[in-house]
Amino acid sequence: MDKNFKPSGYNSLSPYFVVNGAQKMVDLLTKLFNGKELRRYDMPDGSIMHVENSN
């Protein structure tokens, strides 16, 4: 069986964080790893539902 289920452009391992104050976490990880935002989904109240960053 020779199948690859990893989407093109994604790492083999993708950590997933669930935190209070998500924007601070996004800012920190972006600064530490010179990242850029790939995707972002905000809730109606302005909180972050999902963010994907890459370096």
PDB file of N, CA and C in Angstrom:
ATOM      1  N   MET A   1       0.851  -1.170   0.000  1.00  0.00           N
ATOM      2  CA  MET A   1       0.000   0.000   0.000  1.00  0.00           C
ATOM      3  C   MET A   1       0.898   1.234   0.000  1.00  0.00           C
ATOM      4  N   ASP A   2       0.903   1.956  -1.083  1.00  0.00           N
ATOM      5  CA  ASP A   2       1.758   3.124  -1.228  1.00  0.00           C
ATOM      6  C   ASP A   2       0.895   4.371  -1.400  1.00  0.00           C
ATOM      7  N   LYS A   3       0.360   4.856  -0.281  1.00  0.00           N
ATOM      8  CA  LYS A   3      -0.498   6.040  -0.322  1.00  0.00           C
ATOM      9  C   LYS A   3       0.041   7.099   0.626  1.00  0.00           C
ATOM     10  N   ASN A   4      -0.082   8.341   0.235  1.00  0.00           N
ATOM     11  CA  ASN A   4       0.339   9.455   1.067  1.00  0.00           C
ATOM     12  C   ASN A   4      -0.897  10.275   1.432  1.00  0.00           C
ATOM     13  N   PHE A   5      -1.210  10.332   2.717  1.00  0.00           N
ATOM     14  CA  PHE A   5      -2.386  11.058   3.174  1.00  0.00           C
ATOM     15  C   PHE A   5      -2.046  12.467   3.650  1.00  0.00           C
ATOM     16  N   LYS A   6      -0.787  12.861   3.527  1.00  0.00           N
ATOM     17  CA  LYS A   6      -0.355  14.189   3.944  1.00  0.00           C
ATOM     18  C   LYS A   6      -0.587  15.173   2.803  1.00  0.00           C
ATOM     19  N   PRO A   7      -1.345  16.242   3.050  1.00  0.00           N
ATOM     20  CA  PRO A   7      -1.554  17.233   1.989  1.00  0.00           C
ATOM     21  C   PRO A   7      -0.238  17.872   1.557  1.00  0.00           C
ATOM     22  N   SER A   8      -0.133  18.213   0.319  1.00  0.00           N
ATOM     23  CA  SER A   8       1.055  18.864  -0.209  1.00  0.00           C
ATOM     24  C   SER A   8       1.319  20.161   0.551  1.00  0.00           C
ATOM     25  N   GLY A   9       2.570  20.380   0.930  1.00  0.00           N
ATOM     26  CA  GLY A   9       2.942  21.597   1.639  1.00  0.00           C
ATOM     27  C   GLY A   9       2.815  21.517   3.147  1.00  0.00           C
ATOM     28  N   TYR A  10       2.345  20.401   3.679  1.00  0.00           N
ATOM     29  CA  TYR A  10       2.213  20.233   5.122  1.00  0.00           C
ATOM     30  C   TYR A  10       3.368  19.399   5.664  1.00  0.00           C
ATOM     31  N   ASN A  11       3.722  19.641   6.939  1.00  0.00           N
ATOM     32  CA  ASN A  11       4.743  18.842   7.606  1.00  0.00           C
ATOM     33  C   ASN A  11       4.176  17.478   7.975  1.00  0.00           C
ATOM     34  N   SER A  12       5.065  16.561   8.305  1.00  0.00           N
ATOM     35  CA  SER A  12       4.626  15.237   8.748  1.00  0.00           C
ATOM     36  C   SER A  12       3.979  15.294  10.129  1.00  0.00           C
ATOM     37  N   LEU A  13       4.385  16.274  10.923  1.00  0.00           N
ATOM     38  CA  LEU A  13       3.840  16.436  12.268  1.00  0.00           C
ATOM     39  C   LEU A  13       3.342  17.868  12.406  1.00  0.00           C
ATOM     40  N   SER A  14       2.106  18.027  12.809  1.00  0.00           N
ATOM     41  CA  SER A  14       1.518  19.357  12.978  1.00  0.00           C
ATOM     42  C   SER A  14       0.929  19.467  14.373  1.00  0.00           C
ATOM     43  N   PRO A  15       1.613  20.183  15.297  1.00  0.00           N
ATOM     44  CA  PRO A  15       1.079  20.323  16.648  1.00  0.00           C
ATOM     45  C   PRO A  15      -0.210  21.135  16.642  1.00  0.00           C
ATOM     46  N   TYR A  16      -1.071  20.851  17.578  1.00  0.00           N
ATOM     47  CA  TYR A  16      -2.369  21.515  17.700  1.00  0.00           C
ATOM     48  C   TYR A  16      -2.476  22.023  19.131  1.00  0.00           C
ATOM     49  N   PHE A  17      -2.639  23.325  19.307  1.00  0.00           N
ATOM     50  CA  PHE A  17      -2.722  23.931  20.631  1.00  0.00           C
ATOM     51  C   PHE A  17      -4.137  24.432  20.884  1.00  0.00           C
ATOM     52  N   VAL A  18      -4.623  24.226  22.092  1.00  0.00           N
ATOM     53  CA  VAL A  18      -5.887  24.805  22.540  1.00  0.00           C
ATOM     54  C   VAL A  18      -5.532  25.662  23.752  1.00  0.00           C
ATOM     55  N   VAL A  19      -5.631  26.988  23.595  1.00  0.00           N
ATOM     56  CA  VAL A  19      -5.175  27.898  24.642  1.00  0.00           C
ATOM     57  C   VAL A  19      -6.165  29.040  24.839  1.00  0.00           C
ATOM     58  N   ASN A  20      -6.141  29.618  26.033  1.00  0.00           N
ATOM     59  CA  ASN A  20      -6.821  30.889  26.281  1.00  0.00           C
ATOM     60  C   ASN A  20      -5.886  31.988  25.804  1.00  0.00           C
ATOM     61  N   GLY A  21      -6.404  33.029  25.199  1.00  0.00           N
ATOM     62  CA  GLY A  21      -5.551  34.095  24.682  1.00  0.00           C
ATOM     63  C   GLY A  21      -4.803  33.650  23.442  1.00  0.00           C
ATOM     64  N   ALA A  22      -5.517  33.069  22.505  1.00  0.00           N
ATOM     65  CA  ALA A  22      -4.890  32.470  21.318  1.00  0.00           C
ATOM     66  C   ALA A  22      -4.072  33.466  20.506  1.00  0.00           C
ATOM     67  N   GLN A  23      -4.506  34.729  20.437  1.00  0.00           N
ATOM     68  CA  GLN A  23      -3.759  35.702  19.633  1.00  0.00           C
ATOM     69  C   GLN A  23      -2.345  35.891  20.169  1.00  0.00           C
ATOM     70  N   LYS A  24      -2.185  35.864  21.493  1.00  0.00           N
ATOM     71  CA  LYS A  24      -0.843  35.975  22.081  1.00  0.00           C
ATOM     72  C   LYS A  24       0.014  34.784  21.675  1.00  0.00           C
ATOM     73  N   MET A  25      -0.575  33.599  21.642  1.00  0.00           N
ATOM     74  CA  MET A  25       0.151  32.398  21.221  1.00  0.00           C
ATOM     75  C   MET A  25       0.544  32.503  19.749  1.00  0.00           C
ATOM     76  N   VAL A  26      -0.382  32.950  18.909  1.00  0.00           N
ATOM     77  CA  VAL A  26      -0.098  33.133  17.480  1.00  0.00           C
ATOM     78  C   VAL A  26       1.051  34.120  17.308  1.00  0.00           C
ATOM     79  N   ASP A  27       0.993  35.246  18.021  1.00  0.00           N
ATOM     80  CA  ASP A  27       2.050  36.260  17.926  1.00  0.00           C
ATOM     81  C   ASP A  27       3.400  35.695  18.356  1.00  0.00           C
ATOM     82  N   LEU A  28       3.415  34.949  19.457  1.00  0.00           N
ATOM     83  CA  LEU A  28       4.659  34.363  19.959  1.00  0.00           C
ATOM     84  C   LEU A  28       5.248  33.373  18.963  1.00  0.00           C
ATOM     85  N   LEU A  29       4.440  32.440  18.485  1.00  0.00           N
ATOM     86  CA  LEU A  29       4.945  31.428  17.555  1.00  0.00           C
ATOM     87  C   LEU A  29       5.382  32.052  16.232  1.00  0.00           C
ATOM     88  N   THR A  30       4.656  33.076  15.779  1.00  0.00           N
ATOM     89  CA  THR A  30       5.033  33.768  14.547  1.00  0.00           C
ATOM     90  C   THR A  30       6.390  34.433  14.711  1.00  0.00           C
ATOM     91  N   LYS A  31       6.607  35.070  15.856  1.00  0.00           N
ATOM     92  CA  LYS A  31       7.885  35.746  16.119  1.00  0.00           C
ATOM     93  C   LYS A  31       9.019  34.735  16.292  1.00  0.00           C
ATOM     94  N   LEU A  32       8.788  33.691  17.078  1.00  0.00           N
ATOM     95  CA  LEU A  32       9.839  32.704  17.350  1.00  0.00           C
ATOM     96  C   LEU A  32      10.286  31.953  16.103  1.00  0.00           C
ATOM     97  N   PHE A  33       9.334  31.615  15.248  1.00  0.00           N
ATOM     98  CA  PHE A  33       9.647  30.768  14.096  1.00  0.00           C
ATOM     99  C   PHE A  33       9.555  31.502  12.762  1.00  0.00           C
ATOM    100  N   ASN A  34       9.484  32.841  12.823  1.00  0.00           N
ATOM    101  CA  ASN A  34       9.400  33.646  11.602  1.00  0.00           C
ATOM    102  C   ASN A  34       8.280  33.127  10.700  1.00  0.00           C
ATOM    103  N   GLY A  35       7.137  32.895  11.308  1.00  0.00           N
ATOM    104  CA  GLY A  35       6.021  32.264  10.603  1.00  0.00           C
ATOM    105  C   GLY A  35       5.140  33.240   9.859  1.00  0.00           C
ATOM    106  N   LYS A  36       4.238  32.661   9.108  1.00  0.00           N
ATOM    107  CA  LYS A  36       3.224  33.453   8.413  1.00  0.00           C
ATOM    108  C   LYS A  36       1.893  32.719   8.531  1.00  0.00           C
ATOM    109  N   GLU A  37       0.844  33.490   8.583  1.00  0.00           N
ATOM    110  CA  GLU A  37      -0.495  32.932   8.730  1.00  0.00           C
ATOM    111  C   GLU A  37      -0.985  32.382   7.393  1.00  0.00           C
ATOM    112  N   LEU A  38      -1.380  31.109   7.391  1.00  0.00           N
ATOM    113  CA  LEU A  38      -1.899  30.475   6.181  1.00  0.00           C
ATOM    114  C   LEU A  38      -3.418  30.532   6.123  1.00  0.00           C
ATOM    115  N   ARG A  39      -4.052  30.234   7.254  1.00  0.00           N
ATOM    116  CA  ARG A  39      -5.511  30.200   7.345  1.00  0.00           C
ATOM    117  C   ARG A  39      -5.926  30.680   8.724  1.00  0.00           C
ATOM    118  N   ARG A  40      -7.072  31.330   8.780  1.00  0.00           N
ATOM    119  CA  ARG A  40      -7.582  31.792  10.071  1.00  0.00           C
ATOM    120  C   ARG A  40      -9.104  31.819  10.018  1.00  0.00           C
ATOM    121  N   TYR A  41      -9.713  31.303  11.063  1.00  0.00           N
ATOM    122  CA  TYR A  41     -11.169  31.318  11.197  1.00  0.00           C
ATOM    123  C   TYR A  41     -11.510  31.925  12.557  1.00  0.00           C
ATOM    124  N   ASP A  42     -12.169  33.065  12.528  1.00  0.00           N
ATOM    125  CA  ASP A  42     -12.561  33.753  13.757  1.00  0.00           C
ATOM    126  C   ASP A  42     -14.027  33.478  14.080  1.00  0.00           C
ATOM    127  N   MET A  43     -14.342  33.527  15.358  1.00  0.00           N
ATOM    128  CA  MET A  43     -15.715  33.390  15.828  1.00  0.00           C
ATOM    129  C   MET A  43     -16.401  34.755  15.742  1.00  0.00           C
ATOM    130  N   PRO A  44     -17.736  34.797  15.767  1.00  0.00           N
ATOM    131  CA  PRO A  44     -18.453  36.078  15.710  1.00  0.00           C
ATOM    132  C   PRO A  44     -18.051  37.049  16.828  1.00  0.00           C
ATOM    133  N   ASP A  45     -17.626  36.515  17.982  1.00  0.00           N
ATOM    134  CA  ASP A  45     -17.225  37.388  19.094  1.00  0.00           C
ATOM    135  C   ASP A  45     -15.784  37.881  18.963  1.00  0.00           C
ATOM    136  N   GLY A  46     -15.094  37.513  17.879  1.00  0.00           N
ATOM    137  CA  GLY A  46     -13.717  37.959  17.654  1.00  0.00           C
ATOM    138  C   GLY A  46     -12.658  36.994  18.149  1.00  0.00           C
ATOM    139  N   SER A  47     -13.056  35.970  18.900  1.00  0.00           N
ATOM    140  CA  SER A  47     -12.080  34.976  19.348  1.00  0.00           C
ATOM    141  C   SER A  47     -11.665  34.105  18.161  1.00  0.00           C
ATOM    142  N   ILE A  48     -10.528  33.459  18.318  1.00  0.00           N
ATOM    143  CA  ILE A  48      -9.983  32.632  17.242  1.00  0.00           C
ATOM    144  C   ILE A  48     -10.507  31.212  17.378  1.00  0.00           C
ATOM    145  N   MET A  49     -11.063  30.698  16.306  1.00  0.00           N
ATOM    146  CA  MET A  49     -11.511  29.308  16.286  1.00  0.00           C
ATOM    147  C   MET A  49     -10.384  28.405  15.779  1.00  0.00           C
ATOM    148  N   HIS A  50      -9.663  28.857  14.733  1.00  0.00           N
ATOM    149  CA  HIS A  50      -8.622  28.024  14.125  1.00  0.00           C
ATOM    150  C   HIS A  50      -7.633  28.921  13.390  1.00  0.00           C
ATOM    151  N   VAL A  51      -6.352  28.627  13.541  1.00  0.00           N
ATOM    152  CA  VAL A  51      -5.298  29.330  12.803  1.00  0.00           C
ATOM    153  C   VAL A  51      -4.275  28.305  12.353  1.00  0.00           C
ATOM    154  N   GLU A  52      -3.811  28.447  11.126  1.00  0.00           N
ATOM    155  CA  GLU A  52      -2.694  27.640  10.628  1.00  0.00           C
ATOM    156  C   GLU A  52      -1.559  28.584  10.281  1.00  0.00           C
ATOM    157  N   ASN A  53      -0.391  28.322  10.858  1.00  0.00           N
ATOM    158  CA  ASN A  53       0.820  29.089  10.589  1.00  0.00           C
ATOM    159  C   ASN A  53       1.874  28.177   9.989  1.00  0.00           C
ATOM    160  N   SER A  54       2.773  28.771   9.248  1.00  0.00           N
ATOM    161  CA  SER A  54       3.886  28.024   8.664  1.00  0.00           C
ATOM    162  C   SER A  54       5.120  28.902   8.710  1.00  0.00           C
ATOM    163  N   ASN A  55       6.289  28.266   8.720  1.00  0.00           N
ATOM    164  CA  ASN A  55       7.518  29.062   8.677  1.00  0.00           C
ATOM    165  C   ASN A  55       8.250  28.836   7.399  1.00  0.00           C
TER     166      ASN A  55
END
